Amino acid sequence: MEAIVRYTNQWLLAAVLALLVVATWFCVSVWRTTPSMPLYGNIILGGAAILMLVVGCGLIALMFYSRHKGYDEPARSNRTQRK
C-alpha cells in the first residue's frame, strides 16, 4: 500500500513540474512577442509594486502589533449571566 502511495506521489510531482515547465515556456514566449512598454508604464508599474510592498509590510506589522498588545484574545466578561 505504501508503495502505491509513493508511486502516485511521484507521478503527481512529475505532472506538476511538467505543468510548471509548460507555463514558464508559454509566459516567456508571450513576453518575447509583445512590444516593450513605454517609460511611463514602467514607472507606474514600479510605483505600484513599491506601494503593494509597503501596504503588505504595513498589514503584517499591524498583525504583529495587535498580537503583541493582546487585541487578538477572546472577549471575556466578569458579569454574571441574567436569568
PDB file of N, CA and C in Angstrom:
ATOM      1  N   MET A   1       0.829  -1.195   0.000  1.00  0.00           N
ATOM      2  CA  MET A   1       0.000   0.000   0.000  1.00  0.00           C
ATOM      3  C   MET A   1       0.869   1.254   0.000  1.00  0.00           C
ATOM      4  N   GLU A   2       1.938   1.236   0.788  1.00  0.00           N
ATOM      5  CA  GLU A   2       2.818   2.395   0.863  1.00  0.00           C
ATOM      6  C   GLU A   2       3.526   2.641  -0.471  1.00  0.00           C
ATOM      7  N   ALA A   3       3.841   1.571  -1.179  1.00  0.00           N
ATOM      8  CA  ALA A   3       4.491   1.707  -2.477  1.00  0.00           C
ATOM      9  C   ALA A   3       3.554   2.356  -3.501  1.00  0.00           C
ATOM     10  N   ILE A   4       2.265   2.057  -3.405  1.00  0.00           N
ATOM     11  CA  ILE A   4       1.295   2.657  -4.328  1.00  0.00           C
ATOM     12  C   ILE A   4       1.191   4.150  -4.079  1.00  0.00           C
ATOM     13  N   VAL A   5       1.173   4.542  -2.820  1.00  0.00           N
ATOM     14  CA  VAL A   5       1.088   5.959  -2.484  1.00  0.00           C
ATOM     15  C   VAL A   5       2.346   6.688  -2.954  1.00  0.00           C
ATOM     16  N   ARG A   6       3.510   6.097  -2.732  1.00  0.00           N
ATOM     17  CA  ARG A   6       4.763   6.713  -3.160  1.00  0.00           C
ATOM     18  C   ARG A   6       4.800   6.839  -4.685  1.00  0.00           C
ATOM     19  N   TYR A   7       4.338   5.807  -5.391  1.00  0.00           N
ATOM     20  CA  TYR A   7       4.309   5.817  -6.851  1.00  0.00           C
ATOM     21  C   TYR A   7       3.364   6.901  -7.354  1.00  0.00           C
ATOM     22  N   THR A   8       2.208   7.041  -6.710  1.00  0.00           N
ATOM     23  CA  THR A   8       1.237   8.066  -7.084  1.00  0.00           C
ATOM     24  C   THR A   8       1.799   9.462  -6.818  1.00  0.00           C
ATOM     25  N   ASN A   9       2.460   9.630  -5.685  1.00  0.00           N
ATOM     26  CA  ASN A   9       3.041  10.933  -5.366  1.00  0.00           C
ATOM     27  C   ASN A   9       4.124  11.325  -6.366  1.00  0.00           C
ATOM     28  N   GLN A  10       4.901  10.358  -6.836  1.00  0.00           N
ATOM     29  CA  GLN A  10       5.939  10.657  -7.816  1.00  0.00           C
ATOM     30  C   GLN A  10       5.315  11.095  -9.145  1.00  0.00           C
ATOM     31  N   TRP A  11       4.237  10.425  -9.559  1.00  0.00           N
ATOM     32  CA  TRP A  11       3.558  10.824 -10.791  1.00  0.00           C
ATOM     33  C   TRP A  11       2.931  12.208 -10.642  1.00  0.00           C
ATOM     34  N   LEU A  12       2.368  12.479  -9.485  1.00  0.00           N
ATOM     35  CA  LEU A  12       1.760  13.785  -9.237  1.00  0.00           C
ATOM     36  C   LEU A  12       2.830  14.885  -9.267  1.00  0.00           C
ATOM     37  N   LEU A  13       3.972  14.636  -8.659  1.00  0.00           N
ATOM     38  CA  LEU A  13       5.064  15.601  -8.677  1.00  0.00           C
ATOM     39  C   LEU A  13       5.566  15.831 -10.101  1.00  0.00           C
ATOM     40  N   ALA A  14       5.692  14.766 -10.873  1.00  0.00           N
ATOM     41  CA  ALA A  14       6.139  14.895 -12.258  1.00  0.00           C
ATOM     42  C   ALA A  14       5.136  15.698 -13.088  1.00  0.00           C
ATOM     43  N   ALA A  15       3.848  15.481 -12.860  1.00  0.00           N
ATOM     44  CA  ALA A  15       2.821  16.223 -13.599  1.00  0.00           C
ATOM     45  C   ALA A  15       2.852  17.709 -13.240  1.00  0.00           C
ATOM     46  N   VAL A  16       3.007  18.021 -11.971  1.00  0.00           N
ATOM     47  CA  VAL A  16       3.067  19.421 -11.537  1.00  0.00           C
ATOM     48  C   VAL A  16       4.299  20.102 -12.117  1.00  0.00           C
ATOM     49  N   LEU A  17       5.438  19.426 -12.095  1.00  0.00           N
ATOM     50  CA  LEU A  17       6.654  20.004 -12.666  1.00  0.00           C
ATOM     51  C   LEU A  17       6.530  20.201 -14.176  1.00  0.00           C
ATOM     52  N   ALA A  18       5.889  19.264 -14.857  1.00  0.00           N
ATOM     53  CA  ALA A  18       5.677  19.409 -16.302  1.00  0.00           C
ATOM     54  C   ALA A  18       4.777  20.614 -16.588  1.00  0.00           C
ATOM     55  N   LEU A  19       3.723  20.780 -15.815  1.00  0.00           N
ATOM     56  CA  LEU A  19       2.851  21.948 -15.996  1.00  0.00           C
ATOM     57  C   LEU A  19       3.606  23.247 -15.728  1.00  0.00           C
ATOM     58  N   LEU A  20       4.492  23.236 -14.746  1.00  0.00           N
ATOM     59  CA  LEU A  20       5.293  24.419 -14.450  1.00  0.00           C
ATOM     60  C   LEU A  20       6.216  24.764 -15.614  1.00  0.00           C
ATOM     61  N   VAL A  21       6.826  23.753 -16.212  1.00  0.00           N
ATOM     62  CA  VAL A  21       7.703  23.987 -17.362  1.00  0.00           C
ATOM     63  C   VAL A  21       6.908  24.526 -18.542  1.00  0.00           C
ATOM     64  N   VAL A  22       5.745  23.958 -18.815  1.00  0.00           N
ATOM     65  CA  VAL A  22       4.911  24.416 -19.932  1.00  0.00           C
ATOM     66  C   VAL A  22       4.437  25.848 -19.688  1.00  0.00           C
ATOM     67  N   ALA A  23       4.015  26.160 -18.466  1.00  0.00           N
ATOM     68  CA  ALA A  23       3.557  27.515 -18.160  1.00  0.00           C
ATOM     69  C   ALA A  23       4.694  28.518 -18.284  1.00  0.00           C
ATOM     70  N   THR A  24       5.888  28.155 -17.852  1.00  0.00           N
ATOM     71  CA  THR A  24       7.045  29.043 -17.978  1.00  0.00           C
ATOM     72  C   THR A  24       7.384  29.275 -19.441  1.00  0.00           C
ATOM     73  N   TRP A  25       7.375  28.219 -20.221  1.00  0.00           N
ATOM     74  CA  TRP A  25       7.649  28.359 -21.662  1.00  0.00           C
ATOM     75  C   TRP A  25       6.632  29.289 -22.314  1.00  0.00           C
ATOM     76  N   PHE A  26       5.353  29.118 -22.004  1.00  0.00           N
ATOM     77  CA  PHE A  26       4.303  29.943 -22.586  1.00  0.00           C
ATOM     78  C   PHE A  26       4.480  31.410 -22.190  1.00  0.00           C
ATOM     79  N   CYS A  27       4.758  31.665 -20.913  1.00  0.00           N
ATOM     80  CA  CYS A  27       4.932  33.044 -20.454  1.00  0.00           C
ATOM     81  C   CYS A  27       6.114  33.717 -21.139  1.00  0.00           C
ATOM     82  N   VAL A  28       7.219  33.005 -21.273  1.00  0.00           N
ATOM     83  CA  VAL A  28       8.398  33.582 -21.925  1.00  0.00           C
ATOM     84  C   VAL A  28       8.121  33.834 -23.397  1.00  0.00           C
ATOM     85  N   SER A  29       7.428  32.933 -24.066  1.00  0.00           N
ATOM     86  CA  SER A  29       7.140  33.135 -25.487  1.00  0.00           C
ATOM     87  C   SER A  29       6.210  34.333 -25.705  1.00  0.00           C
ATOM     88  N   VAL A  30       5.222  34.501 -24.846  1.00  0.00           N
ATOM     89  CA  VAL A  30       4.328  35.658 -24.964  1.00  0.00           C
ATOM     90  C   VAL A  30       5.084  36.940 -24.638  1.00  0.00           C
ATOM     91  N   TRP A  31       5.947  36.892 -23.641  1.00  0.00           N
ATOM     92  CA  TRP A  31       6.715  38.061 -23.237  1.00  0.00           C
ATOM     93  C   TRP A  31       7.622  38.543 -24.370  1.00  0.00           C
ATOM     94  N   ARG A  32       8.212  37.617 -25.092  1.00  0.00           N
ATOM     95  CA  ARG A  32       9.126  37.997 -26.172  1.00  0.00           C
ATOM     96  C   ARG A  32       8.401  38.520 -27.407  1.00  0.00           C
ATOM     97  N   THR A  33       7.155  38.115 -27.630  1.00  0.00           N
ATOM     98  CA  THR A  33       6.446  38.539 -28.836  1.00  0.00           C
ATOM     99  C   THR A  33       5.717  39.871 -28.665  1.00  0.00           C
ATOM    100  N   THR A  34       5.481  40.307 -27.435  1.00  0.00           N
ATOM    101  CA  THR A  34       4.770  41.570 -27.227  1.00  0.00           C
ATOM    102  C   THR A  34       5.749  42.735 -27.295  1.00  0.00           C
ATOM    103  N   PRO A  35       5.275  43.900 -27.737  1.00  0.00           N
ATOM    104  CA  PRO A  35       6.166  45.066 -27.792  1.00  0.00           C
ATOM    105  C   PRO A  35       6.505  45.557 -26.392  1.00  0.00           C
ATOM    106  N   SER A  36       7.627  46.267 -26.283  1.00  0.00           N
ATOM    107  CA  SER A  36       8.053  46.746 -24.965  1.00  0.00           C
ATOM    108  C   SER A  36       7.134  47.870 -24.489  1.00  0.00           C
ATOM    109  N   MET A  37       7.083  48.032 -23.181  1.00  0.00           N
ATOM    110  CA  MET A  37       6.229  49.022 -22.561  1.00  0.00           C
ATOM    111  C   MET A  37       6.934  50.383 -22.576  1.00  0.00           C
ATOM    112  N   PRO A  38       6.190  51.493 -22.730  1.00  0.00           N
ATOM    113  CA  PRO A  38       6.833  52.813 -22.693  1.00  0.00           C
ATOM    114  C   PRO A  38       7.349  53.130 -21.285  1.00  0.00           C
ATOM    115  N   LEU A  39       8.158  54.170 -21.178  1.00  0.00           N
ATOM    116  CA  LEU A  39       8.802  54.527 -19.916  1.00  0.00           C
ATOM    117  C   LEU A  39       7.781  54.821 -18.827  1.00  0.00           C
ATOM    118  N   TYR A  40       6.704  55.553 -19.162  1.00  0.00           N
ATOM    119  CA  TYR A  40       5.718  55.875 -18.136  1.00  0.00           C
ATOM    120  C   TYR A  40       5.031  54.609 -17.601  1.00  0.00           C
ATOM    121  N   GLY A  41       4.889  53.598 -18.437  1.00  0.00           N
ATOM    122  CA  GLY A  41       4.315  52.331 -17.975  1.00  0.00           C
ATOM    123  C   GLY A  41       5.226  51.635 -16.981  1.00  0.00           C
ATOM    124  N   ASN A  42       6.533  51.659 -17.242  1.00  0.00           N
ATOM    125  CA  ASN A  42       7.489  51.069 -16.301  1.00  0.00           C
ATOM    126  C   ASN A  42       7.498  51.817 -14.980  1.00  0.00           C
ATOM    127  N   ILE A  43       7.380  53.140 -15.040  1.00  0.00           N
ATOM    128  CA  ILE A  43       7.354  53.941 -13.812  1.00  0.00           C
ATOM    129  C   ILE A  43       6.095  53.630 -13.003  1.00  0.00           C
ATOM    130  N   ILE A  44       4.961  53.550 -13.664  1.00  0.00           N
ATOM    131  CA  ILE A  44       3.710  53.227 -12.967  1.00  0.00           C
ATOM    132  C   ILE A  44       3.773  51.821 -12.374  1.00  0.00           C
ATOM    133  N   LEU A  45       4.290  50.874 -13.139  1.00  0.00           N
ATOM    134  CA  LEU A  45       4.401  49.502 -12.644  1.00  0.00           C
ATOM    135  C   LEU A  45       5.335  49.422 -11.435  1.00  0.00           C
ATOM    136  N   GLY A  46       6.454  50.129 -11.489  1.00  0.00           N
ATOM    137  CA  GLY A  46       7.381  50.147 -10.355  1.00  0.00           C
ATOM    138  C   GLY A  46       6.756  50.795  -9.134  1.00  0.00           C
ATOM    139  N   GLY A  47       6.045  51.905  -9.343  1.00  0.00           N
ATOM    140  CA  GLY A  47       5.370  52.562  -8.218  1.00  0.00           C
ATOM    141  C   GLY A  47       4.300  51.680  -7.591  1.00  0.00           C
ATOM    142  N   ALA A  48       3.554  50.978  -8.415  1.00  0.00           N
ATOM    143  CA  ALA A  48       2.525  50.080  -7.893  1.00  0.00           C
ATOM    144  C   ALA A  48       3.159  48.923  -7.115  1.00  0.00           C
ATOM    145  N   ALA A  49       4.282  48.405  -7.607  1.00  0.00           N
ATOM    146  CA  ALA A  49       4.956  47.312  -6.898  1.00  0.00           C
ATOM    147  C   ALA A  49       5.461  47.782  -5.541  1.00  0.00           C
ATOM    148  N   ILE A  50       6.037  48.986  -5.493  1.00  0.00           N
ATOM    149  CA  ILE A  50       6.525  49.527  -4.215  1.00  0.00           C
ATOM    150  C   ILE A  50       5.352  49.782  -3.271  1.00  0.00           C
ATOM    151  N   LEU A  51       4.259  50.330  -3.789  1.00  0.00           N
ATOM    152  CA  LEU A  51       3.080  50.585  -2.959  1.00  0.00           C
ATOM    153  C   LEU A  51       2.513  49.290  -2.382  1.00  0.00           C
ATOM    154  N   MET A  52       2.434  48.253  -3.195  1.00  0.00           N
ATOM    155  CA  MET A  52       1.918  46.968  -2.697  1.00  0.00           C
ATOM    156  C   MET A  52       2.848  46.367  -1.645  1.00  0.00           C
ATOM    157  N   LEU A  53       4.155  46.534  -1.813  1.00  0.00           N
ATOM    158  CA  LEU A  53       5.113  46.050  -0.823  1.00  0.00           C
ATOM    159  C   LEU A  53       4.950  46.796   0.497  1.00  0.00           C
ATOM    160  N   VAL A  54       4.776  48.112   0.434  1.00  0.00           N
ATOM    161  CA  VAL A  54       4.586  48.911   1.655  1.00  0.00           C
ATOM    162  C   VAL A  54       3.280  48.530   2.349  1.00  0.00           C
ATOM    163  N   VAL A  55       2.203  48.378   1.589  1.00  0.00           N
ATOM    164  CA  VAL A  55       0.913  48.001   2.183  1.00  0.00           C
ATOM    165  C   VAL A  55       0.994  46.610   2.819  1.00  0.00           C
ATOM    166  N   GLY A  56       1.610  45.668   2.122  1.00  0.00           N
ATOM    167  CA  GLY A  56       1.737  44.319   2.668  1.00  0.00           C
ATOM    168  C   GLY A  56       2.559  44.297   3.943  1.00  0.00           C
ATOM    169  N   CYS A  57       3.690  45.000   3.954  1.00  0.00           N
ATOM    170  CA  CYS A  57       4.523  45.059   5.170  1.00  0.00           C
ATOM    171  C   CYS A  57       3.789  45.760   6.300  1.00  0.00           C
ATOM    172  N   GLY A  58       3.033  46.806   5.964  1.00  0.00           N
ATOM    173  CA  GLY A  58       2.262  47.503   6.990  1.00  0.00           C
ATOM    174  C   GLY A  58       1.188  46.627   7.611  1.00  0.00           C
ATOM    175  N   LEU A  59       0.508  45.847   6.796  1.00  0.00           N
ATOM    176  CA  LEU A  59      -0.520  44.951   7.343  1.00  0.00           C
ATOM    177  C   LEU A  59       0.087  43.857   8.211  1.00  0.00           C
ATOM    178  N   ILE A  60       1.220  43.338   7.809  1.00  0.00           N
ATOM    179  CA  ILE A  60       1.882  42.331   8.634  1.00  0.00           C
ATOM    180  C   ILE A  60       2.358  42.954   9.942  1.00  0.00           C
ATOM    181  N   ALA A  61       2.878  44.193   9.890  1.00  0.00           N
ATOM    182  CA  ALA A  61       3.303  44.875  11.109  1.00  0.00           C
ATOM    183  C   ALA A  61       2.112  45.101  12.042  1.00  0.00           C
ATOM    184  N   LEU A  62       0.964  45.491  11.488  1.00  0.00           N
ATOM    185  CA  LEU A  62      -0.231  45.650  12.314  1.00  0.00           C
ATOM    186  C   LEU A  62      -0.673  44.337  12.942  1.00  0.00           C
ATOM    187  N   MET A  63      -0.528  43.248  12.211  1.00  0.00           N
ATOM    188  CA  MET A  63      -0.888  41.937  12.754  1.00  0.00           C
ATOM    189  C   MET A  63      -0.008  41.592  13.950  1.00  0.00           C
ATOM    190  N   PHE A  64       1.304  41.808  13.830  1.00  0.00           N
ATOM    191  CA  PHE A  64       2.202  41.525  14.950  1.00  0.00           C
ATOM    192  C   PHE A  64       1.958  42.475  16.115  1.00  0.00           C
ATOM    193  N   TYR A  65       1.681  43.748  15.833  1.00  0.00           N
ATOM    194  CA  TYR A  65       1.380  44.714  16.876  1.00  0.00           C
ATOM    195  C   TYR A  65       0.118  44.313  17.631  1.00  0.00           C
ATOM    196  N   SER A  66      -0.911  43.913  16.891  1.00  0.00           N
ATOM    197  CA  SER A  66      -2.165  43.505  17.503  1.00  0.00           C
ATOM    198  C   SER A  66      -1.970  42.273  18.381  1.00  0.00           C
ATOM    199  N   ARG A  67      -1.183  41.346  17.919  1.00  0.00           N
ATOM    200  CA  ARG A  67      -0.921  40.131  18.701  1.00  0.00           C
ATOM    201  C   ARG A  67      -0.131  40.475  19.959  1.00  0.00           C
ATOM    202  N   HIS A  68       0.835  41.393  19.846  1.00  0.00           N
ATOM    203  CA  HIS A  68       1.676  41.765  20.982  1.00  0.00           C
ATOM    204  C   HIS A  68       0.872  42.492  22.056  1.00  0.00           C
ATOM    205  N   LYS A  69      -0.072  43.339  21.654  1.00  0.00           N
ATOM    206  CA  LYS A  69      -0.870  44.118  22.602  1.00  0.00           C
ATOM    207  C   LYS A  69      -2.039  43.329  23.191  1.00  0.00           C
ATOM    208  N   GLY A  70      -2.301  42.133  22.677  1.00  0.00           N
ATOM    209  CA  GLY A  70      -3.364  41.310  23.238  1.00  0.00           C
ATOM    210  C   GLY A  70      -4.736  41.555  22.636  1.00  0.00           C
ATOM    211  N   TYR A  71      -4.796  42.256  21.514  1.00  0.00           N
ATOM    212  CA  TYR A  71      -6.096  42.523  20.890  1.00  0.00           C
ATOM    213  C   TYR A  71      -6.698  41.269  20.247  1.00  0.00           C
ATOM    214  N   ASP A  72      -5.927  40.226  20.091  1.00  0.00           N
ATOM    215  CA  ASP A  72      -6.419  39.012  19.462  1.00  0.00           C
ATOM    216  C   ASP A  72      -6.987  38.007  20.460  1.00  0.00           C
ATOM    217  N   GLU A  73      -6.977  38.362  21.739  1.00  0.00           N
ATOM    218  CA  GLU A  73      -7.508  37.457  22.752  1.00  0.00           C
ATOM    219  C   GLU A  73      -9.031  37.428  22.668  1.00  0.00           C
ATOM    220  N   PRO A  74      -9.634  36.298  23.033  1.00  0.00           N
ATOM    221  CA  PRO A  74     -11.101  36.244  23.010  1.00  0.00           C
ATOM    222  C   PRO A  74     -11.710  37.189  24.053  1.00  0.00           C
ATOM    223  N   ALA A  75     -12.900  37.673  23.775  1.00  0.00           N
ATOM    224  CA  ALA A  75     -13.574  38.590  24.690  1.00  0.00           C
ATOM    225  C   ALA A  75     -13.985  37.857  25.964  1.00  0.00           C
ATOM    226  N   ARG A  76     -13.818  38.544  27.101  1.00  0.00           N
ATOM    227  CA  ARG A  76     -14.201  37.974  28.399  1.00  0.00           C
ATOM    228  C   ARG A  76     -15.059  38.972  29.144  1.00  0.00           C
ATOM    229  N   SER A  77     -15.883  38.488  30.009  1.00  0.00           N
ATOM    230  CA  SER A  77     -16.737  39.352  30.805  1.00  0.00           C
ATOM    231  C   SER A  77     -16.761  38.850  32.232  1.00  0.00           C
ATOM    232  N   ASN A  78     -16.761  39.796  33.196  1.00  0.00           N
ATOM    233  CA  ASN A  78     -16.826  39.427  34.613  1.00  0.00           C
ATOM    234  C   ASN A  78     -18.251  39.461  35.122  1.00  0.00           C
ATOM    235  N   ARG A  79     -19.204  39.845  34.292  1.00  0.00           N
ATOM    236  CA  ARG A  79     -20.591  39.935  34.740  1.00  0.00           C
ATOM    237  C   ARG A  79     -21.206  38.549  34.844  1.00  0.00           C
ATOM    238  N   THR A  80     -22.137  38.419  35.744  1.00  0.00           N
ATOM    239  CA  THR A  80     -22.871  37.149  35.870  1.00  0.00           C
ATOM    240  C   THR A  80     -23.975  37.128  34.826  1.00  0.00           C
ATOM    241  N   GLN A  81     -24.365  35.936  34.422  1.00  0.00           N
ATOM    242  CA  GLN A  81     -25.406  35.834  33.409  1.00  0.00           C
ATOM    243  C   GLN A  81     -26.768  36.092  34.016  1.00  0.00           C
ATOM    244  N   ARG A  82     -27.630  36.740  33.233  1.00  0.00           N
ATOM    245  CA  ARG A  82     -29.003  37.013  33.675  1.00  0.00           C
ATOM    246  C   ARG A  82     -29.847  35.769  33.535  1.00  0.00           C
ATOM    247  N   LYS A  83     -30.874  35.702  34.364  1.00  0.00           N
ATOM    248  CA  LYS A  83     -31.786  34.559  34.306  1.00  0.00           C
ATOM    249  C   LYS A  83     -32.983  34.856  33.478  1.00  0.00           C
TER     250      LYS A  83
END
